[in-house]
Protein backbone atom coordinates (compact mmCIF):
# COMPACT_ATOMS: atom_id res chain seq x y z
CA MET A 1 -1.01 -4.40 -8.00
CA ARG A 2 -1.07 -0.59 -7.92
CA SER A 3 0.78 -0.27 -4.40
CA ILE A 4 4.38 0.71 -4.50
CA ARG A 5 4.52 -1.24 -1.17
CA GLY A 6 3.15 -4.56 -2.63
CA ARG A 7 5.30 -4.23 -6.18
CA LEU A 8 8.42 -4.31 -4.13
CA LEU A 9 7.24 -6.82 -1.68
CA ILE A 10 5.88 -8.97 -4.57
CA LEU A 11 9.10 -8.48 -6.70
CA ALA A 12 11.29 -9.22 -3.65
CA ALA A 13 9.47 -12.55 -2.62
CA VAL A 14 9.80 -13.69 -6.19
CA TRP A 15 13.75 -13.03 -6.49
CA LEU A 16 14.10 -14.17 -2.95
CA SER A 17 11.98 -17.49 -3.80
CA ALA A 18 14.06 -18.09 -6.70
CA ALA A 19 17.52 -17.37 -5.38
CA LEU A 20 16.66 -19.71 -2.43
CA LEU A 21 15.47 -22.43 -4.58
CA ALA A 22 18.53 -22.46 -6.96
CA ALA A 23 20.66 -22.50 -3.41
CA PHE A 24 18.80 -25.52 -2.07
CA LEU A 25 19.16 -27.15 -5.76
CA PHE A 26 23.12 -26.25 -5.66
CA ILE A 27 23.82 -27.05 -2.74
CA SER A 28 21.76 -30.36 -2.83
CA HIS A 29 23.89 -31.61 -5.74
CA LEU A 30 26.86 -30.46 -3.88
CA LEU A 31 26.05 -32.39 -1.19
CA GLU A 32 24.90 -35.55 -3.20
CA ARG A 33 28.46 -35.58 -4.83
CA PHE A 34 29.92 -35.43 -1.42
CA VAL A 35 28.00 -38.38 0.13
CA THR A 36 28.22 -40.61 -2.78
CA ASP A 37 32.03 -39.66 -3.16
CA ARG A 38 32.31 -40.62 0.45
CA PHE A 39 30.64 -44.13 -0.34
CA ASP A 40 33.04 -45.13 -3.79
CA ALA A 41 36.14 -44.10 -1.63
CA GLU A 42 34.59 -46.74 0.86
CA VAL A 43 34.09 -49.19 -1.59
CA ALA A 44 37.39 -48.41 -3.72
CA ALA A 45 39.24 -49.01 -0.11
CA ILE A 46 37.75 -52.54 0.21
CA ALA A 47 38.30 -53.21 -3.66
CA ASP A 48 42.19 -52.23 -3.14
CA ALA A 49 42.14 -54.66 0.00
CA LEU A 50 40.56 -57.43 -2.06
CA THR A 51 43.16 -56.90 -4.70
CA ALA A 52 45.89 -57.14 -2.52
CA ALA A 53 44.57 -60.00 -0.95
CA LEU A 54 44.56 -61.91 -4.38
CA GLU A 55 46.97 -64.81 -4.55
CA VAL A 56 47.90 -67.92 -7.12
CA ASP A 57 48.23 -71.52 -5.48
CA ASP A 58 48.92 -74.02 -7.73
CA GLY A 59 47.38 -72.38 -10.64
CA ARG A 60 43.86 -71.26 -8.65
CA ILE A 61 43.20 -68.00 -8.08
CA GLY A 62 42.40 -67.32 -4.52
CA LEU A 63 42.01 -64.66 -1.75
CA ALA A 64 45.01 -65.04 1.21
CA ASP A 65 42.50 -62.80 3.65
CA ALA A 66 39.04 -62.22 3.05
CA PRO A 67 37.83 -58.82 4.48
CA SER A 68 36.27 -59.33 8.16
CA ASP A 69 33.28 -56.29 7.90
CA PRO A 70 30.71 -57.85 9.50
CA ARG A 71 28.34 -55.55 6.65
CA PHE A 72 29.37 -58.32 4.22
CA LEU A 73 28.06 -61.25 6.55
CA LEU A 74 24.85 -60.10 6.73
CA PRO A 75 22.66 -61.68 3.68
CA PHE A 76 21.19 -59.19 1.50
CA SER A 77 22.57 -56.03 2.96
CA GLY A 78 23.48 -54.84 -0.21
CA TRP A 79 27.14 -55.19 0.74
CA TYR A 80 28.63 -57.29 -1.50
CA TRP A 81 32.48 -58.44 -2.45
CA GLN A 82 33.32 -60.93 -5.71
CA VAL A 83 36.56 -62.18 -6.99
CA ALA A 84 35.66 -64.02 -10.56
CA ALA A 85 38.42 -65.38 -12.79
CA ASP A 86 37.76 -65.68 -16.12
CA GLY A 87 34.12 -64.88 -15.59
CA ARG A 88 33.96 -67.54 -13.15
CA ALA A 89 33.31 -66.42 -8.99
CA VAL A 90 36.26 -67.74 -7.19
CA ALA A 91 35.41 -65.98 -4.22
CA ARG A 92 32.45 -63.95 -3.05
CA SER A 93 31.07 -62.30 0.44
CA ASP A 94 28.81 -64.55 2.70
CA SER A 95 26.10 -61.83 2.11
CA LEU A 96 25.66 -63.09 -1.36
CA LEU A 97 24.79 -66.84 -0.58
CA ASP A 98 24.68 -68.62 -3.36
CA GLY A 99 24.24 -65.54 -6.10
CA ARG A 100 26.82 -63.49 -8.08
CA LEU A 101 27.53 -60.36 -9.39
CA ASP A 102 27.25 -59.55 -12.99
CA GLY A 103 27.85 -56.48 -14.59
CA PRO A 104 29.53 -55.18 -17.51
CA THR A 105 32.90 -57.15 -18.78
CA ARG A 106 35.11 -53.55 -18.22
CA ASP A 107 36.15 -51.27 -15.32
CA PHE A 108 33.92 -48.88 -14.27
CA ALA A 109 33.53 -46.95 -10.69
CA GLY A 110 30.36 -45.24 -9.75
CA GLY A 111 27.61 -47.27 -11.37
CA TYR A 112 24.83 -48.51 -10.82
CA GLY A 113 23.15 -52.09 -10.56
CA THR A 114 20.79 -54.58 -8.91
CA GLY A 115 20.89 -57.07 -6.32
CA ALA A 116 19.47 -60.39 -6.15
CA ASP A 117 16.80 -58.80 -4.33
CA GLY A 118 16.14 -56.14 -6.78
CA ALA A 119 17.33 -53.43 -4.38
CA GLU A 120 19.89 -50.63 -5.95
CA LEU A 121 23.56 -50.92 -5.77
CA ARG A 122 26.55 -48.64 -5.94
CA VAL A 123 28.73 -50.96 -8.16
CA MET A 124 32.74 -50.56 -8.67
CA ARG A 125 34.05 -53.08 -10.87
CA ARG A 126 37.87 -53.50 -11.56
CA GLU A 127 39.57 -56.10 -14.07
CA LEU A 128 43.28 -57.10 -13.74
CA THR A 129 45.61 -59.46 -14.44
CA ILE A 130 47.90 -60.94 -11.95
CA PRO A 131 51.61 -62.62 -11.89
CA ASP A 132 51.77 -66.47 -12.46
CA SER A 133 48.25 -66.21 -14.18
CA ALA A 134 47.05 -65.65 -17.42
CA SER A 135 43.50 -65.48 -16.07
CA ARG A 136 41.51 -62.58 -16.37
CA ILE A 137 40.62 -61.45 -12.80
CA ALA A 138 37.26 -59.37 -12.06
CA VAL A 139 37.17 -57.40 -8.57
CA THR A 140 33.65 -56.43 -8.15
CA VAL A 141 32.61 -54.63 -4.14
CA THR A 142 28.79 -52.98 -4.05
CA ALA A 143 27.15 -50.60 -1.61
CA PRO A 144 23.45 -50.59 -1.14
CA GLN A 145 22.02 -47.12 -2.82
CA THR A 146 19.68 -47.01 0.06
CA GLN A 147 22.01 -46.02 2.45
CA ILE A 148 23.61 -43.56 0.16
CA ASP A 149 19.90 -42.34 -0.13
CA ASP A 150 19.70 -42.11 3.54
CA SER A 151 22.92 -40.45 4.24
CA LEU A 152 21.63 -37.72 2.02
CA ARG A 153 18.58 -37.38 3.29
CA GLN A 154 19.73 -36.73 6.89
CA ILE A 155 21.72 -33.65 5.50
CA ILE A 156 19.17 -32.32 2.91
CA ARG A 157 16.04 -32.25 5.47
CA PRO A 158 18.16 -29.88 8.13
CA LEU A 159 19.31 -27.46 4.81
CA ALA A 160 15.87 -27.06 3.94
CA ILE A 161 14.96 -26.08 7.25
CA ALA A 162 17.69 -23.70 7.29
CA LEU A 163 17.16 -22.40 3.99
CA ALA A 164 13.46 -21.96 5.27
CA VAL A 165 14.33 -20.08 7.98
CA LEU A 166 16.74 -17.92 6.35
CA GLY A 167 13.93 -17.19 3.97
CA LEU A 168 11.58 -16.07 6.59
CA GLY A 169 14.33 -13.87 7.87
CA LEU A 170 15.17 -12.11 4.59
CA ALA A 171 11.19 -11.68 3.91
CA ALA A 172 11.01 -9.79 7.46
CA ALA A 173 13.75 -7.73 6.56
CA SER A 174 12.87 -7.07 2.94
CA LEU A 175 9.37 -5.70 4.68
CA LEU A 176 11.26 -3.28 7.20
CA GLN A 177 13.27 -2.60 4.32
CA VAL A 178 10.37 -1.40 2.46
CA THR A 179 8.23 -0.37 5.07
CA VAL A 180 11.62 2.04 6.25
CA GLY A 181 12.61 3.24 2.79
CA LEU A 182 8.62 4.23 1.74
CA ARG A 183 8.20 6.13 5.42
CA SER A 184 9.57 9.32 3.85
CA LEU A 185 6.39 8.90 1.28
CA ASP A 186 4.33 8.25 4.07
CA ARG A 187 5.57 11.62 5.73
CA LEU A 188 4.99 13.53 2.48
CA ARG A 189 1.52 12.54 2.21
CA ALA A 190 0.92 14.10 5.86
CA ASP A 191 2.63 16.97 5.05
CA LEU A 192 0.46 17.27 1.67
CA ALA A 193 -2.85 16.59 4.15
CA ALA A 194 -1.40 19.28 6.45
CA VAL A 195 -0.86 21.93 3.93
CA ARG A 196 -4.73 20.58 2.12
CA GLU A 197 -6.29 21.27 6.04
CA GLY A 198 -4.92 24.60 6.23
CA LYS A 199 -2.42 23.50 9.12
CA ALA A 200 1.06 24.25 6.80
CA ASP A 201 1.74 27.10 3.95
CA ARG A 202 4.26 24.65 2.23
CA LEU A 203 5.49 21.39 2.31
CA THR A 204 9.05 20.64 4.09
CA LEU A 205 12.32 19.41 2.39
CA PRO A 206 12.42 15.85 3.19
CA ASP A 207 15.99 14.17 4.13
CA VAL A 208 15.64 11.79 0.97
CA SER A 209 17.15 13.15 -2.00
CA GLU A 210 14.95 11.28 -4.57
CA LEU A 211 12.07 13.33 -2.98
CA ARG A 212 13.38 16.66 -2.72
CA PRO A 213 12.75 17.52 -6.68
CA LEU A 214 9.40 16.84 -6.34
CA THR A 215 8.42 18.18 -3.14
CA SER A 216 10.17 21.36 -4.60
CA GLU A 217 7.68 21.11 -7.82
CA ILE A 218 4.61 20.86 -5.63
CA ASN A 219 5.78 24.07 -3.63
CA ALA A 220 6.07 25.53 -7.07
CA SER A 221 2.38 24.60 -7.96
CA LEU A 222 1.51 26.13 -4.34
CA ASP A 223 2.94 29.23 -5.24
CA GLN A 224 1.54 29.22 -8.92
CA ASN A 225 -1.82 28.59 -7.33
CA ALA A 226 -1.62 31.26 -5.11
CA ASN A 227 -0.75 33.98 -7.36
CA LEU A 228 -3.22 32.72 -10.07
CA LEU A 229 -6.00 33.14 -7.30
CA ALA A 230 -4.62 36.52 -6.54
CA ARG A 231 -4.84 37.40 -10.34
CA SER A 232 -8.27 35.87 -10.95
CA ARG A 233 -9.53 37.66 -8.00
CA GLN A 234 -8.17 40.95 -8.99
CA HIS A 235 -9.67 40.61 -12.38
CA LEU A 236 -12.97 39.48 -11.30
CA GLY A 237 -13.15 42.59 -9.38
CA ASN A 238 -12.36 44.71 -12.00
CA LEU A 239 -15.49 43.03 -13.84
CA ALA A 240 -17.79 43.86 -11.52
CA HIS A 241 -16.64 47.24 -10.99
CA SER A 242 -16.71 48.10 -14.89
CA LEU A 243 -20.26 46.19 -14.80
CA ARG A 244 -22.21 47.68 -12.04
CA THR A 245 -20.76 51.00 -12.17
CA PRO A 246 -22.82 51.70 -15.42
CA LEU A 247 -25.83 49.89 -14.28
CA ALA A 248 -26.01 51.75 -11.62
CA ALA A 249 -25.74 55.00 -13.42
CA LEU A 250 -28.45 54.00 -15.59
CA ALA A 251 -30.65 53.16 -12.44
CA ASN A 252 -29.59 56.67 -11.01
CA GLU A 253 -30.93 58.57 -14.36
CA LEU A 254 -34.22 56.45 -14.44
CA PRO A 255 -36.96 58.07 -12.69
CA ASP A 256 -39.03 56.09 -9.91
CA GLY A 257 -41.69 53.57 -11.18
CA HIS A 258 -39.48 53.30 -14.28
CA GLY A 259 -40.37 49.81 -16.05
CA GLY A 260 -36.67 49.05 -16.51
CA LEU A 261 -35.86 49.75 -12.94
CA PRO A 262 -36.82 45.82 -11.74
CA LEU A 263 -34.74 44.77 -15.08
CA ILE A 264 -31.53 46.61 -13.70
CA THR A 265 -32.05 44.84 -10.30
CA ARG A 266 -32.31 41.65 -11.40
CA MET A 267 -29.17 41.92 -13.84
CA ASP A 268 -27.28 43.65 -11.26
CA ARG A 269 -28.59 40.11 -8.89
CA LEU A 270 -27.30 38.02 -11.77
CA ILE A 271 -23.98 39.67 -12.24
CA GLY A 272 -23.29 39.01 -8.28
CA TRP A 273 -24.27 35.55 -8.65
CA HIS A 274 -22.12 34.72 -11.48
CA LEU A 275 -19.11 36.64 -10.33
CA ARG A 276 -19.64 34.95 -6.84
CA ARG A 277 -19.82 31.63 -8.30
CA ALA A 278 -16.87 32.51 -10.43
CA ARG A 279 -14.57 33.42 -7.60
CA SER A 280 -15.77 30.17 -5.40
CA ALA A 281 -15.17 27.79 -8.56
CA GLY A 282 -11.78 29.44 -9.31
CA PRO A 283 -8.36 28.47 -8.26
CA ARG A 284 -7.81 28.05 -4.74
CA THR A 285 -5.29 28.72 -2.41
CA MET A 286 -4.20 25.46 -0.28
CA GLY A 287 -3.16 25.19 3.57
CA GLN A 288 -5.37 28.20 4.26
CA ARG A 289 -7.41 27.36 7.96
CA THR A 290 -9.49 29.96 9.23
CA PRO A 291 -10.69 30.63 13.08
CA ILE A 292 -14.47 30.42 13.24
CA ARG A 293 -15.21 32.35 15.97
CA PRO A 294 -14.16 35.57 15.21
CA VAL A 295 -15.68 35.40 11.72
CA ILE A 296 -18.71 34.92 13.71
CA GLU A 297 -18.11 37.52 16.02
CA ASP A 298 -17.41 40.02 12.99
CA ILE A 299 -20.94 39.25 11.05
CA LEU A 300 -22.68 39.68 14.01
CA LEU A 301 -21.23 43.21 14.61
CA VAL A 302 -21.91 43.90 10.88
CA LEU A 303 -25.52 43.39 11.42
CA ARG A 304 -25.53 44.60 15.17
CA TRP A 305 -27.98 47.72 14.16
CA PRO A 306 -30.71 44.91 12.85
CA ILE A 307 -29.93 42.92 15.70
CA HIS A 308 -30.74 45.77 17.92
CA ASP A 309 -33.43 47.23 16.01
CA LYS A 310 -35.47 43.55 16.48
CA GLY A 311 -34.26 43.24 19.86
CA LEU A 312 -32.72 39.75 18.82
CA ALA A 313 -30.91 37.77 21.57
CA ILE A 314 -28.05 35.86 20.45
CA GLN A 315 -26.45 32.85 21.53
CA ILE A 316 -22.88 31.64 20.51
CA ASP A 317 -21.39 28.21 21.35
CA CYS A 318 -18.60 27.90 19.40
CA PRO A 319 -15.05 26.52 20.59
CA ASP A 320 -12.11 28.83 20.43
CA ASP A 321 -9.60 26.55 18.62
CA ALA A 322 -12.68 25.38 16.30
CA GLY A 323 -10.98 26.41 12.60
CA PHE A 324 -12.17 25.85 8.84
CA ALA A 325 -9.82 24.24 6.33
CA GLY A 326 -10.58 27.13 3.58
CA GLU A 327 -10.34 31.00 3.36
CA ARG A 328 -11.76 33.52 5.39
CA GLN A 329 -13.60 34.99 2.41
CA ASP A 330 -15.21 31.91 1.61
CA LEU A 331 -16.25 31.09 5.47
CA GLU A 332 -17.39 34.85 5.99
CA GLU A 333 -19.88 34.35 2.53
CA MET A 334 -20.96 31.24 4.24
CA ILE A 335 -22.04 32.51 7.49
CA GLY A 336 -22.80 36.26 6.78
CA ASN A 337 -25.76 34.84 4.15
CA LEU A 338 -27.16 32.47 6.78
CA ALA A 339 -26.65 34.83 9.94
CA GLU A 340 -28.70 37.77 7.61
CA ASN A 341 -31.23 35.46 6.79
CA ALA A 342 -31.57 34.26 10.68
CA VAL A 343 -31.78 38.29 11.38
CA LYS A 344 -34.15 38.87 8.91
CA TRP A 345 -36.91 36.22 10.03
CA GLY A 346 -36.10 35.79 13.21
CA ARG A 347 -38.48 37.19 15.81
CA GLY A 348 -36.04 36.72 19.35
CA HIS A 349 -33.55 34.41 19.63
CA ILE A 350 -30.94 33.41 17.15
CA ARG A 351 -28.45 30.45 18.50
CA VAL A 352 -25.14 29.61 16.58
CA ARG A 353 -23.68 26.38 17.64
CA VAL A 354 -20.40 24.75 16.57
CA THR A 355 -19.25 21.26 16.71
CA ARG A 356 -16.51 19.29 15.59
CA ALA A 357 -15.89 15.43 15.11
CA GLU A 358 -12.26 14.35 13.87
CA ASP A 359 -11.43 16.31 10.43
CA ARG A 360 -15.40 17.95 10.09
CA LEU A 361 -17.16 20.26 11.80
CA SER A 362 -20.83 21.71 11.96
CA ILE A 363 -22.25 25.08 12.00
CA ARG A 364 -25.64 25.20 13.20
CA ILE A 365 -27.55 28.57 13.02
CA GLU A 366 -30.91 28.46 14.37
CA ASP A 367 -34.06 31.21 14.67
CA ASP A 368 -37.40 31.24 16.05
CA GLY A 369 -38.82 32.53 12.95
CA PRO A 370 -41.70 30.93 10.65
CA GLY A 371 -39.00 28.36 9.46
CA MET A 372 -40.12 26.32 5.97
CA THR A 373 -41.52 22.93 5.60
CA ASP A 374 -39.97 19.90 4.18
CA THR A 375 -41.05 20.65 0.65
CA ASP A 376 -39.75 24.40 0.67
CA ALA A 377 -36.49 23.61 1.91
CA PRO A 378 -35.38 22.21 -1.40
CA ARG A 379 -36.91 24.86 -3.28
CA ALA A 380 -35.26 27.35 -1.36
CA LEU A 381 -31.35 26.73 -2.49
CA ILE A 382 -32.50 27.00 -6.28
CA ARG A 383 -30.89 29.94 -8.01
CA GLY A 384 -33.31 33.09 -7.46
CA ALA A 385 -36.02 31.49 -5.73
CA ARG A 386 -37.84 33.51 -3.13
CA LEU A 387 -40.35 31.33 -0.96
CA ASP A 388 -42.18 34.40 0.46
CA GLU A 389 -42.57 37.39 -2.16
CA HIS A 390 -43.95 39.56 0.81
CA GLY A 391 -41.54 39.04 3.34
CA PRO A 392 -38.24 40.85 3.99
CA SER A 393 -36.52 42.23 1.03
CA GLY A 394 -33.83 40.00 -0.45
CA SER A 395 -32.23 38.45 -3.84
CA GLY A 396 -32.75 34.75 -3.16
CA LEU A 397 -29.40 33.99 -3.75
CA GLY A 398 -27.97 33.66 -0.18
CA LEU A 399 -28.63 30.02 0.26
CA ALA A 400 -27.84 28.65 -3.32
CA ILE A 401 -24.47 30.68 -2.77
CA VAL A 402 -24.08 28.95 0.73
CA ALA A 403 -24.98 25.54 -0.68
CA ASP A 404 -22.00 25.91 -3.79
CA LEU A 405 -19.79 27.05 -1.63
CA ALA A 406 -19.84 24.25 0.78
CA ALA A 407 -19.97 21.83 -1.95
CA LEU A 408 -16.70 23.05 -3.27
CA HIS A 409 -15.18 22.56 -0.23
CA GLY A 410 -16.39 19.36 0.17
CA GLY A 411 -19.27 20.04 2.59
CA GLU A 412 -22.64 20.46 2.45
CA LEU A 413 -25.91 22.83 3.49
CA ARG A 414 -28.79 21.33 5.31
CA LEU A 415 -32.08 22.89 6.09
CA GLU A 416 -34.52 21.69 8.93
CA ARG A 417 -36.66 22.46 11.38
CA ALA A 418 -35.27 24.34 14.47
CA SER A 419 -35.44 23.58 18.14
CA LEU A 420 -36.28 27.05 18.62
CA GLY A 421 -39.20 26.88 16.05
CA GLY A 422 -37.72 28.53 13.25
CA LEU A 423 -35.18 27.48 10.16
CA ALA A 424 -31.81 25.50 11.18
CA ALA A 425 -29.42 26.04 8.13
CA ILE A 426 -26.40 23.43 9.40
CA LEU A 427 -23.35 23.48 7.72
CA HIS A 428 -21.04 20.44 7.20
CA LEU A 429 -17.31 21.35 5.86
CA PRO A 430 -13.77 20.34 6.54
CA GLY A 431 -11.99 21.36 9.90
C-alpha cells in the first residue's frame, strides 16, 4: 500500500477491530460472571431455606417446610433440590420424580453437573450436621445451565450490536479524521500544480506546522532552479559569442567562392543547433506562464516586411486569455520558426489558430504553399534536413528545434495537410 491515506485507514481499522474485539471479550466475560453469580445467589438462597427447614423427629431427619417455588414442581425442569442423610435421600423436589442427585462428597458452590435427562446443571452442595443427629446431611440445589446461557445470550446480542454500531461510527470518524488531516497535503499538491502550470511563482506557507519546513525547502529549490537557469543562459550566451565571433571574422577574411565558406556556414548552423538544445534542456524555471497572443503579434511584427513584400493575408484566431505553461523565450522560438516557415512558403494566406481543451492548448499555423507529403513530414523533423534545396534559403533546423522544445514541455509537433492547401504545423502544448 503506497497511499498514506490507505495506510492510515488500514492501521486504524486493524487497531479499531482489535480494540473492539478485546472490549467484547472482556465485557462478555464480566457479563457471564454477573449472570452466573446471580443464579448462584438464587440457588444459595434456596439452599439456605432448605437448611433452615431441617428438623429431627424421633431420630429421623426431615423438612418442616418444602420450598413452594413452582419451578421445583415441573418434571425435569432442571430446578432440583435434594436433602440426603448419610448418602440416602430423605427429601427431594417433585421435579426429580424418582431420580436422585449424585455428586462429590464434599461442599462446592458453582459447580457443574448433569441431570437425569442429560441436561447440564449448575450445582450447589452443602454438607452439614444438625443438633440431635449424628447423620451427615448433604443439601443439593441445582439450576438449569440453559437458562443461564439464554439470559447471557439476551445480553450479549445487544452488546455485539452496540459495539458494531460503535465500530462503524469510529470507522467513519477515522475516515473523516484522515481526510481532514491530509487536506493540507491536497492543498500543497494543488499549489505545486499551480506553480508547474505557471499560475503561481512560489508555494504559500500552509497553516500546518509539519508542512512548513517542506514548503520552505520546495521554495528554496525553486529559487535555486531560477538562479541556475540564469547562470546557465549567461554561460551559453558567452559560449555563443566566443564561438561565433571568430567564425564570422574568418568568413569575412575569405573571398567569395572560397571552398571553406560552406564549411563555416555549416559549423555556424551546428553551433546554433547545439546551443539551442542546451538552452532548452537546461534547468527550467517553474511557475512561468506566457500569454500567447502578444507573442504571435510580436513575431508577425518582426516578419512584417517579408509579409508585406509577398502580399500575404494573415488571419489570427486566438483567445485573449490563452496562456502557455512555460517561458516566453521557448514559445517565441517555437512560434517564430513555424511562422517564418509559413511566410517563406506561403503564397497568399496564412492562418494562426489557438484552441484550448482543459489544461492543453493547440497552436495551428497554416499556409497555402506547396505543403509536403505524408512521407516527407517525418523527414522534415530531422536535424538539418531540407526537402527542397532549391527553395527559400534556410538551415533545415527550425522544425527540429520546434519538435524538441515541444517534447521538452510534454507536448508534440505534428505536420499535416492544411485546409488552405499548404502545410499545417500543429503544436500541442500544456496550457
